Amino acid sequence: FGVRDASGREVACALFPGASLLNHACAPSCALARSAPDTLLVVAARTVAAGDELTLSYVPMGLPRGLRRAKLRESYYFDCACARCAGRAGAPGG
């Protein structure tokens, strides 16, 4: 995860082992927040039922489907098949 200075410029990289276990979804159940420079919180972005997978979006969620998928393929080496990319009913956005 990128570490940014007060101006927003990325100045370092940090490893948060717990957050690195979360899979990607283009309509994620969680988001990341910092409570201190060395503390990363995983917070629910929507209601999460017991047993639901906790996910993060690895790319900006506002991007169109084709661009999201291209960025994921280029940077993370997988073809996204999440509910939003697959256009399954009930998945937010497109």
PDB file of N, CA and C in Angstrom:
ATOM      1  N   PHE A   1       0.845  -1.170   0.000  1.00  0.00           N
ATOM      2  CA  PHE A   1       0.000   0.000   0.000  1.00  0.00           C
ATOM      3  C   PHE A   1       0.889   1.231   0.000  1.00  0.00           C
ATOM      4  N   GLY A   2       0.501   2.251  -0.740  1.00  0.00           N
ATOM      5  CA  GLY A   2       1.295   3.466  -0.833  1.00  0.00           C
ATOM      6  C   GLY A   2       1.197   4.315   0.417  1.00  0.00           C
ATOM      7  N   VAL A   3       2.313   4.911   0.789  1.00  0.00           N
ATOM      8  CA  VAL A   3       2.362   5.864   1.895  1.00  0.00           C
ATOM      9  C   VAL A   3       2.540   7.237   1.264  1.00  0.00           C
ATOM     10  N   ARG A   4       1.658   8.163   1.616  1.00  0.00           N
ATOM     11  CA  ARG A   4       1.679   9.495   1.007  1.00  0.00           C
ATOM     12  C   ARG A   4       2.069  10.555   2.028  1.00  0.00           C
ATOM     13  N   ASP A   5       2.738  11.611   1.533  1.00  0.00           N
ATOM     14  CA  ASP A   5       3.066  12.728   2.414  1.00  0.00           C
ATOM     15  C   ASP A   5       1.873  13.675   2.487  1.00  0.00           C
ATOM     16  N   ALA A   6       2.027  14.793   3.196  1.00  0.00           N
ATOM     17  CA  ALA A   6       0.916  15.728   3.415  1.00  0.00           C
ATOM     18  C   ALA A   6       0.356  16.290   2.113  1.00  0.00           C
ATOM     19  N   SER A   7       1.167  16.345   1.064  1.00  0.00           N
ATOM     20  CA  SER A   7       0.692  16.871  -0.217  1.00  0.00           C
ATOM     21  C   SER A   7       0.009  15.804  -1.069  1.00  0.00           C
ATOM     22  N   GLY A   8       0.020  14.553  -0.597  1.00  0.00           N
ATOM     23  CA  GLY A   8      -0.614  13.472  -1.343  1.00  0.00           C
ATOM     24  C   GLY A   8       0.328  12.703  -2.244  1.00  0.00           C
ATOM     25  N   ARG A   9       1.587  13.095  -2.279  1.00  0.00           N
ATOM     26  CA  ARG A   9       2.586  12.419  -3.113  1.00  0.00           C
ATOM     27  C   ARG A   9       3.004  11.101  -2.466  1.00  0.00           C
ATOM     28  N   GLU A  10       3.037  10.027  -3.244  1.00  0.00           N
ATOM     29  CA  GLU A  10       3.460   8.734  -2.715  1.00  0.00           C
ATOM     30  C   GLU A  10       4.960   8.765  -2.477  1.00  0.00           C
ATOM     31  N   VAL A  11       5.355   8.485  -1.222  1.00  0.00           N
ATOM     32  CA  VAL A  11       6.763   8.583  -0.845  1.00  0.00           C
ATOM     33  C   VAL A  11       7.350   7.259  -0.378  1.00  0.00           C
ATOM     34  N   ALA A  12       6.502   6.280  -0.125  1.00  0.00           N
ATOM     35  CA  ALA A  12       6.994   4.992   0.359  1.00  0.00           C
ATOM     36  C   ALA A  12       5.931   3.934   0.124  1.00  0.00           C
ATOM     37  N   CYS A  13       6.277   2.740   0.474  1.00  0.00           N
ATOM     38  CA  CYS A  13       5.385   1.600   0.343  1.00  0.00           C
ATOM     39  C   CYS A  13       5.320   0.915   1.701  1.00  0.00           C
ATOM     40  N   ALA A  14       4.133   0.438   2.075  1.00  0.00           N
ATOM     41  CA  ALA A  14       3.977  -0.241   3.368  1.00  0.00           C
ATOM     42  C   ALA A  14       3.304  -1.592   3.147  1.00  0.00           C
ATOM     43  N   LEU A  15       3.645  -2.526   3.996  1.00  0.00           N
ATOM     44  CA  LEU A  15       3.047  -3.857   3.927  1.00  0.00           C
ATOM     45  C   LEU A  15       2.170  -4.055   5.158  1.00  0.00           C
ATOM     46  N   PHE A  16       0.903  -4.356   4.914  1.00  0.00           N
ATOM     47  CA  PHE A  16      -0.048  -4.649   5.974  1.00  0.00           C
ATOM     48  C   PHE A  16      -0.543  -6.070   5.720  1.00  0.00           C
ATOM     49  N   PRO A  17       0.052  -7.063   6.365  1.00  0.00           N
ATOM     50  CA  PRO A  17      -0.248  -8.465   6.052  1.00  0.00           C
ATOM     51  C   PRO A  17      -1.726  -8.828   6.128  1.00  0.00           C
ATOM     52  N   GLY A  18      -2.455  -8.330   7.112  1.00  0.00           N
ATOM     53  CA  GLY A  18      -3.874  -8.666   7.229  1.00  0.00           C
ATOM     54  C   GLY A  18      -4.673  -8.174   6.036  1.00  0.00           C
ATOM     55  N   ALA A  19      -4.461  -6.925   5.625  1.00  0.00           N
ATOM     56  CA  ALA A  19      -5.187  -6.356   4.490  1.00  0.00           C
ATOM     57  C   ALA A  19      -4.791  -7.034   3.176  1.00  0.00           C
ATOM     58  N   SER A  20      -3.575  -7.542   3.104  1.00  0.00           N
ATOM     59  CA  SER A  20      -3.127  -8.172   1.864  1.00  0.00           C
ATOM     60  C   SER A  20      -3.839  -9.498   1.601  1.00  0.00           C
ATOM     61  N   LEU A  21      -4.552 -10.019   2.580  1.00  0.00           N
ATOM     62  CA  LEU A  21      -5.292 -11.270   2.403  1.00  0.00           C
ATOM     63  C   LEU A  21      -6.652 -11.072   1.732  1.00  0.00           C
ATOM     64  N   LEU A  22      -7.098  -9.825   1.611  1.00  0.00           N
ATOM     65  CA  LEU A  22      -8.419  -9.568   1.041  1.00  0.00           C
ATOM     66  C   LEU A  22      -8.382  -9.631  -0.480  1.00  0.00           C
ATOM     67  N   ASN A  23      -9.341 -10.311  -1.051  1.00  0.00           N
ATOM     68  CA  ASN A  23      -9.463 -10.416  -2.500  1.00  0.00           C
ATOM     69  C   ASN A  23     -10.099  -9.162  -3.084  1.00  0.00           C
ATOM     70  N   HIS A  24     -10.036  -9.064  -4.403  1.00  0.00           N
ATOM     71  CA  HIS A  24     -10.593  -7.933  -5.136  1.00  0.00           C
ATOM     72  C   HIS A  24     -12.054  -8.174  -5.513  1.00  0.00           C
ATOM     73  N   ALA A  25     -12.816  -7.085  -5.523  1.00  0.00           N
ATOM     74  CA  ALA A  25     -14.138  -7.036  -6.151  1.00  0.00           C
ATOM     75  C   ALA A  25     -14.350  -5.601  -6.607  1.00  0.00           C
ATOM     76  N   CYS A  26     -14.957  -5.409  -7.758  1.00  0.00           N
ATOM     77  CA  CYS A  26     -15.213  -4.062  -8.266  1.00  0.00           C
ATOM     78  C   CYS A  26     -16.351  -3.371  -7.521  1.00  0.00           C
ATOM     79  N   ALA A  27     -17.107  -4.114  -6.742  1.00  0.00           N
ATOM     80  CA  ALA A  27     -18.104  -3.572  -5.815  1.00  0.00           C
ATOM     81  C   ALA A  27     -17.777  -4.180  -4.446  1.00  0.00           C
ATOM     82  N   PRO A  28     -16.712  -3.683  -3.802  1.00  0.00           N
ATOM     83  CA  PRO A  28     -16.184  -4.330  -2.605  1.00  0.00           C
ATOM     84  C   PRO A  28     -17.085  -4.183  -1.383  1.00  0.00           C
ATOM     85  N   SER A  29     -16.888  -5.084  -0.441  1.00  0.00           N
ATOM     86  CA  SER A  29     -17.624  -5.014   0.817  1.00  0.00           C
ATOM     87  C   SER A  29     -16.887  -4.149   1.833  1.00  0.00           C
ATOM     88  N   CYS A  30     -15.619  -3.842   1.588  1.00  0.00           N
ATOM     89  CA  CYS A  30     -14.807  -3.091   2.543  1.00  0.00           C
ATOM     90  C   CYS A  30     -14.042  -1.959   1.860  1.00  0.00           C
ATOM     91  N   ALA A  31     -13.543  -1.069   2.693  1.00  0.00           N
ATOM     92  CA  ALA A  31     -12.663   0.013   2.250  1.00  0.00           C
ATOM     93  C   ALA A  31     -11.533   0.117   3.270  1.00  0.00           C
ATOM     94  N   LEU A  32     -10.471   0.797   2.878  1.00  0.00           N
ATOM     95  CA  LEU A  32      -9.335   0.992   3.776  1.00  0.00           C
ATOM     96  C   LEU A  32      -9.368   2.411   4.326  1.00  0.00           C
ATOM     97  N   ALA A  33      -8.972   2.551   5.572  1.00  0.00           N
ATOM     98  CA  ALA A  33      -8.866   3.859   6.213  1.00  0.00           C
ATOM     99  C   ALA A  33      -7.639   3.835   7.115  1.00  0.00           C
ATOM    100  N   ARG A  34      -7.035   4.981   7.281  1.00  0.00           N
ATOM    101  CA  ARG A  34      -5.874   5.080   8.177  1.00  0.00           C
ATOM    102  C   ARG A  34      -6.314   5.824   9.431  1.00  0.00           C
ATOM    103  N   SER A  35      -6.010   5.263  10.596  1.00  0.00           N
ATOM    104  CA  SER A  35      -6.300   5.943  11.846  1.00  0.00           C
ATOM    105  C   SER A  35      -5.035   6.595  12.411  1.00  0.00           C
ATOM    106  N   ALA A  36      -3.896   6.212  11.877  1.00  0.00           N
ATOM    107  CA  ALA A  36      -2.585   6.769  12.236  1.00  0.00           C
ATOM    108  C   ALA A  36      -1.645   6.402  11.092  1.00  0.00           C
ATOM    109  N   PRO A  37      -0.493   7.054  10.995  1.00  0.00           N
ATOM    110  CA  PRO A  37       0.421   6.753   9.878  1.00  0.00           C
ATOM    111  C   PRO A  37       0.801   5.285   9.755  1.00  0.00           C
ATOM    112  N   ASP A  38       0.829   4.567  10.873  1.00  0.00           N
ATOM    113  CA  ASP A  38       1.245   3.164  10.825  1.00  0.00           C
ATOM    114  C   ASP A  38       0.097   2.193  11.087  1.00  0.00           C
ATOM    115  N   THR A  39      -1.143   2.676  11.010  1.00  0.00           N
ATOM    116  CA  THR A  39      -2.302   1.827  11.293  1.00  0.00           C
ATOM    117  C   THR A  39      -3.293   1.882  10.133  1.00  0.00           C
ATOM    118  N   LEU A  40      -3.601   0.719   9.583  1.00  0.00           N
ATOM    119  CA  LEU A  40      -4.556   0.612   8.488  1.00  0.00           C
ATOM    120  C   LEU A  40      -5.792  -0.113   9.006  1.00  0.00           C
ATOM    121  N   LEU A  41      -6.950   0.479   8.793  1.00  0.00           N
ATOM    122  CA  LEU A  41      -8.203  -0.138   9.203  1.00  0.00           C
ATOM    123  C   LEU A  41      -8.930  -0.676   7.989  1.00  0.00           C
ATOM    124  N   VAL A  42      -9.553  -1.823   8.132  1.00  0.00           N
ATOM    125  CA  VAL A  42     -10.456  -2.362   7.124  1.00  0.00           C
ATOM    126  C   VAL A  42     -11.854  -2.134   7.672  1.00  0.00           C
ATOM    127  N   VAL A  43     -12.651  -1.330   6.959  1.00  0.00           N
ATOM    128  CA  VAL A  43     -13.989  -0.979   7.430  1.00  0.00           C
ATOM    129  C   VAL A  43     -15.031  -1.449   6.420  1.00  0.00           C
ATOM    130  N   ALA A  44     -16.188  -1.824   6.919  1.00  0.00           N
ATOM    131  CA  ALA A  44     -17.263  -2.271   6.033  1.00  0.00           C
ATOM    132  C   ALA A  44     -17.768  -1.090   5.212  1.00  0.00           C
ATOM    133  N   ALA A  45     -17.894  -1.284   3.910  1.00  0.00           N
ATOM    134  CA  ALA A  45     -18.410  -0.257   3.006  1.00  0.00           C
ATOM    135  C   ALA A  45     -19.913  -0.412   2.797  1.00  0.00           C
ATOM    136  N   ARG A  46     -20.434  -1.533   3.227  1.00  0.00           N
ATOM    137  CA  ARG A  46     -21.862  -1.825   3.133  1.00  0.00           C
ATOM    138  C   ARG A  46     -22.158  -2.897   4.177  1.00  0.00           C
ATOM    139  N   THR A  47     -23.408  -3.259   4.312  1.00  0.00           N
ATOM    140  CA  THR A  47     -23.760  -4.303   5.259  1.00  0.00           C
ATOM    141  C   THR A  47     -23.138  -5.619   4.812  1.00  0.00           C
ATOM    142  N   VAL A  48     -22.476  -6.282   5.743  1.00  0.00           N
ATOM    143  CA  VAL A  48     -21.812  -7.559   5.452  1.00  0.00           C
ATOM    144  C   VAL A  48     -22.432  -8.615   6.363  1.00  0.00           C
ATOM    145  N   ALA A  49     -23.001  -9.627   5.754  1.00  0.00           N
ATOM    146  CA  ALA A  49     -23.613 -10.712   6.521  1.00  0.00           C
ATOM    147  C   ALA A  49     -22.545 -11.701   6.972  1.00  0.00           C
ATOM    148  N   ALA A  50     -22.825 -12.397   8.040  1.00  0.00           N
ATOM    149  CA  ALA A  50     -21.913 -13.439   8.524  1.00  0.00           C
ATOM    150  C   ALA A  50     -21.652 -14.429   7.395  1.00  0.00           C
ATOM    151  N   GLY A  51     -20.395 -14.732   7.156  1.00  0.00           N
ATOM    152  CA  GLY A  51     -20.027 -15.675   6.107  1.00  0.00           C
ATOM    153  C   GLY A  51     -19.729 -15.030   4.765  1.00  0.00           C
ATOM    154  N   ASP A  52     -20.112 -13.750   4.563  1.00  0.00           N
ATOM    155  CA  ASP A  52     -19.792 -13.058   3.308  1.00  0.00           C
ATOM    156  C   ASP A  52     -18.290 -12.818   3.226  1.00  0.00           C
ATOM    157  N   GLU A  53     -17.752 -12.882   2.014  1.00  0.00           N
ATOM    158  CA  GLU A  53     -16.334 -12.598   1.807  1.00  0.00           C
ATOM    159  C   GLU A  53     -16.079 -11.102   1.964  1.00  0.00           C
ATOM    160  N   LEU A  54     -14.996 -10.755   2.643  1.00  0.00           N
ATOM    161  CA  LEU A  54     -14.564  -9.368   2.747  1.00  0.00           C
ATOM    162  C   LEU A  54     -13.647  -9.083   1.566  1.00  0.00           C
ATOM    163  N   THR A  55     -13.962  -8.026   0.803  1.00  0.00           N
ATOM    164  CA  THR A  55     -13.206  -7.711  -0.405  1.00  0.00           C
ATOM    165  C   THR A  55     -12.863  -6.227  -0.443  1.00  0.00           C
ATOM    166  N   LEU A  56     -11.849  -5.907  -1.243  1.00  0.00           N
ATOM    167  CA  LEU A  56     -11.428  -4.537  -1.515  1.00  0.00           C
ATOM    168  C   LEU A  56     -11.395  -4.343  -3.022  1.00  0.00           C
ATOM    169  N   SER A  57     -11.477  -3.102  -3.467  1.00  0.00           N
ATOM    170  CA  SER A  57     -11.244  -2.827  -4.881  1.00  0.00           C
ATOM    171  C   SER A  57      -9.781  -2.446  -5.041  1.00  0.00           C
ATOM    172  N   TYR A  58      -9.086  -3.128  -5.930  1.00  0.00           N
ATOM    173  CA  TYR A  58      -7.671  -2.844  -6.172  1.00  0.00           C
ATOM    174  C   TYR A  58      -7.474  -1.666  -7.114  1.00  0.00           C
ATOM    175  N   VAL A  59      -8.535  -1.233  -7.762  1.00  0.00           N
ATOM    176  CA  VAL A  59      -8.480  -0.122  -8.721  1.00  0.00           C
ATOM    177  C   VAL A  59      -9.603   0.862  -8.378  1.00  0.00           C
ATOM    178  N   PRO A  60      -9.536   2.109  -8.887  1.00  0.00           N
ATOM    179  CA  PRO A  60     -10.617   3.059  -8.621  1.00  0.00           C
ATOM    180  C   PRO A  60     -11.967   2.517  -9.109  1.00  0.00           C
ATOM    181  N   MET A  61     -12.961   2.553  -8.246  1.00  0.00           N
ATOM    182  CA  MET A  61     -14.263   1.953  -8.558  1.00  0.00           C
ATOM    183  C   MET A  61     -15.042   2.729  -9.611  1.00  0.00           C
ATOM    184  N   GLY A  62     -14.730   4.005  -9.814  1.00  0.00           N
ATOM    185  CA  GLY A  62     -15.468   4.813 -10.774  1.00  0.00           C
ATOM    186  C   GLY A  62     -15.068   4.591 -12.222  1.00  0.00           C
ATOM    187  N   LEU A  63     -14.034   3.815 -12.453  1.00  0.00           N
ATOM    188  CA  LEU A  63     -13.592   3.568 -13.833  1.00  0.00           C
ATOM    189  C   LEU A  63     -14.603   2.692 -14.569  1.00  0.00           C
ATOM    190  N   PRO A  64     -14.731   2.878 -15.884  1.00  0.00           N
ATOM    191  CA  PRO A  64     -15.595   1.987 -16.666  1.00  0.00           C
ATOM    192  C   PRO A  64     -15.059   0.549 -16.619  1.00  0.00           C
ATOM    193  N   ARG A  65     -15.943  -0.392 -16.830  1.00  0.00           N
ATOM    194  CA  ARG A  65     -15.618  -1.824 -16.735  1.00  0.00           C
ATOM    195  C   ARG A  65     -14.356  -2.191 -17.520  1.00  0.00           C
ATOM    196  N   GLY A  66     -14.282  -1.805 -18.777  1.00  0.00           N
ATOM    197  CA  GLY A  66     -13.135  -2.186 -19.613  1.00  0.00           C
ATOM    198  C   GLY A  66     -11.816  -1.674 -19.064  1.00  0.00           C
ATOM    199  N   LEU A  67     -11.808  -0.450 -18.560  1.00  0.00           N
ATOM    200  CA  LEU A  67     -10.586   0.124 -18.008  1.00  0.00           C
ATOM    201  C   LEU A  67     -10.220  -0.530 -16.680  1.00  0.00           C
ATOM    202  N   ARG A  68     -11.221  -0.803 -15.838  1.00  0.00           N
ATOM    203  CA  ARG A  68     -10.953  -1.528 -14.581  1.00  0.00           C
ATOM    204  C   ARG A  68     -10.301  -2.867 -14.887  1.00  0.00           C
ATOM    205  N   ARG A  69     -10.901  -3.594 -15.804  1.00  0.00           N
ATOM    206  CA  ARG A  69     -10.388  -4.931 -16.121  1.00  0.00           C
ATOM    207  C   ARG A  69      -8.992  -4.866 -16.729  1.00  0.00           C
ATOM    208  N   ALA A  70      -8.741  -3.865 -17.580  1.00  0.00           N
ATOM    209  CA  ALA A  70      -7.417  -3.714 -18.186  1.00  0.00           C
ATOM    210  C   ALA A  70      -6.363  -3.402 -17.122  1.00  0.00           C
ATOM    211  N   LYS A  71      -6.694  -2.518 -16.179  1.00  0.00           N
ATOM    212  CA  LYS A  71      -5.749  -2.182 -15.111  1.00  0.00           C
ATOM    213  C   LYS A  71      -5.466  -3.389 -14.218  1.00  0.00           C
ATOM    214  N   LEU A  72      -6.493  -4.171 -13.924  1.00  0.00           N
ATOM    215  CA  LEU A  72      -6.295  -5.371 -13.105  1.00  0.00           C
ATOM    216  C   LEU A  72      -5.421  -6.390 -13.832  1.00  0.00           C
ATOM    217  N   ARG A  73      -5.653  -6.557 -15.122  1.00  0.00           N
ATOM    218  CA  ARG A  73      -4.855  -7.503 -15.918  1.00  0.00           C
ATOM    219  C   ARG A  73      -3.404  -7.039 -15.967  1.00  0.00           C
ATOM    220  N   GLU A  74      -3.190  -5.736 -16.169  1.00  0.00           N
ATOM    221  CA  GLU A  74      -1.847  -5.186 -16.307  1.00  0.00           C
ATOM    222  C   GLU A  74      -1.074  -5.177 -14.979  1.00  0.00           C
ATOM    223  N   SER A  75      -1.740  -4.826 -13.896  1.00  0.00           N
ATOM    224  CA  SER A  75      -1.048  -4.655 -12.620  1.00  0.00           C
ATOM    225  C   SER A  75      -1.107  -5.869 -11.695  1.00  0.00           C
ATOM    226  N   TYR A  76      -2.187  -6.658 -11.806  1.00  0.00           N
ATOM    227  CA  TYR A  76      -2.372  -7.766 -10.863  1.00  0.00           C
ATOM    228  C   TYR A  76      -2.450  -9.129 -11.553  1.00  0.00           C
ATOM    229  N   TYR A  77      -2.404  -9.136 -12.874  1.00  0.00           N
ATOM    230  CA  TYR A  77      -2.288 -10.367 -13.668  1.00  0.00           C
ATOM    231  C   TYR A  77      -3.465 -11.328 -13.526  1.00  0.00           C
ATOM    232  N   PHE A  78      -4.677 -10.766 -13.481  1.00  0.00           N
ATOM    233  CA  PHE A  78      -5.855 -11.627 -13.521  1.00  0.00           C
ATOM    234  C   PHE A  78      -6.974 -10.924 -14.267  1.00  0.00           C
ATOM    235  N   ASP A  79      -7.874 -11.736 -14.814  1.00  0.00           N
ATOM    236  CA  ASP A  79      -9.067 -11.220 -15.481  1.00  0.00           C
ATOM    237  C   ASP A  79     -10.195 -11.216 -14.475  1.00  0.00           C
ATOM    238  N   CYS A  80     -10.716 -10.033 -14.184  1.00  0.00           N
ATOM    239  CA  CYS A  80     -11.745  -9.912 -13.167  1.00  0.00           C
ATOM    240  C   CYS A  80     -13.047 -10.551 -13.642  1.00  0.00           C
ATOM    241  N   ALA A  81     -13.606 -11.380 -12.787  1.00  0.00           N
ATOM    242  CA  ALA A  81     -14.884 -12.036 -13.062  1.00  0.00           C
ATOM    243  C   ALA A  81     -15.849 -11.804 -11.906  1.00  0.00           C
ATOM    244  N   CYS A  82     -15.670 -10.671 -11.192  1.00  0.00           N
ATOM    245  CA  CYS A  82     -16.554 -10.372 -10.063  1.00  0.00           C
ATOM    246  C   CYS A  82     -17.969 -10.113 -10.586  1.00  0.00           C
ATOM    247  N   ALA A  83     -18.929 -10.043  -9.680  1.00  0.00           N
ATOM    248  CA  ALA A  83     -20.330  -9.858 -10.065  1.00  0.00           C
ATOM    249  C   ALA A  83     -20.534  -8.589 -10.879  1.00  0.00           C
ATOM    250  N   ARG A  84     -19.852  -7.501 -10.525  1.00  0.00           N
ATOM    251  CA  ARG A  84     -20.016  -6.248 -11.254  1.00  0.00           C
ATOM    252  C   ARG A  84     -19.485  -6.363 -12.687  1.00  0.00           C
ATOM    253  N   CYS A  85     -18.327  -6.976 -12.867  1.00  0.00           N
ATOM    254  CA  CYS A  85     -17.760  -7.134 -14.218  1.00  0.00           C
ATOM    255  C   CYS A  85     -18.574  -8.107 -15.051  1.00  0.00           C
ATOM    256  N   ALA A  86     -19.112  -9.125 -14.403  1.00  0.00           N
ATOM    257  CA  ALA A  86     -19.898 -10.124 -15.116  1.00  0.00           C
ATOM    258  C   ALA A  86     -21.314  -9.631 -15.410  1.00  0.00           C
ATOM    259  N   GLY A  87     -21.696  -8.484 -14.795  1.00  0.00           N
ATOM    260  CA  GLY A  87     -23.020  -7.926 -15.040  1.00  0.00           C
ATOM    261  C   GLY A  87     -24.129  -8.742 -14.412  1.00  0.00           C
ATOM    262  N   ARG A  88     -23.817  -9.446 -13.328  1.00  0.00           N
ATOM    263  CA  ARG A  88     -24.833 -10.254 -12.662  1.00  0.00           C
ATOM    264  C   ARG A  88     -25.831  -9.365 -11.941  1.00  0.00           C
ATOM    265  N   ALA A  89     -27.068  -9.781 -11.913  1.00  0.00           N
ATOM    266  CA  ALA A  89     -28.135  -9.044 -11.250  1.00  0.00           C
ATOM    267  C   ALA A  89     -27.776  -8.783  -9.797  1.00  0.00           C
ATOM    268  N   GLY A  90     -28.067  -7.587  -9.323  1.00  0.00           N
ATOM    269  CA  GLY A  90     -27.818  -7.237  -7.941  1.00  0.00           C
ATOM    270  C   GLY A  90     -26.449  -6.626  -7.712  1.00  0.00           C
ATOM    271  N   ALA A  91     -25.565  -6.688  -8.710  1.00  0.00           N
ATOM    272  CA  ALA A  91     -24.250  -6.090  -8.553  1.00  0.00           C
ATOM    273  C   ALA A  91     -24.341  -4.601  -8.876  1.00  0.00           C
ATOM    274  N   PRO A  92     -23.867  -3.732  -7.986  1.00  0.00           N
ATOM    275  CA  PRO A  92     -23.939  -2.306  -8.248  1.00  0.00           C
ATOM    276  C   PRO A  92     -23.010  -1.867  -9.366  1.00  0.00           C
ATOM    277  N   GLY A  93     -23.416  -0.870 -10.106  1.00  0.00           N
ATOM    278  CA  GLY A  93     -22.567  -0.294 -11.164  1.00  0.00           C
ATOM    279  C   GLY A  93     -22.417  -1.202 -12.366  1.00  0.00           C
ATOM    280  N   GLY A  94     -21.508  -0.804 -13.251  1.00  0.00           N
ATOM    281  CA  GLY A  94     -21.300  -1.605 -14.449  1.00  0.00           C
ATOM    282  C   GLY A  94     -19.966  -1.431 -15.033  1.00  0.00           C
TER     283      GLY A  94
END
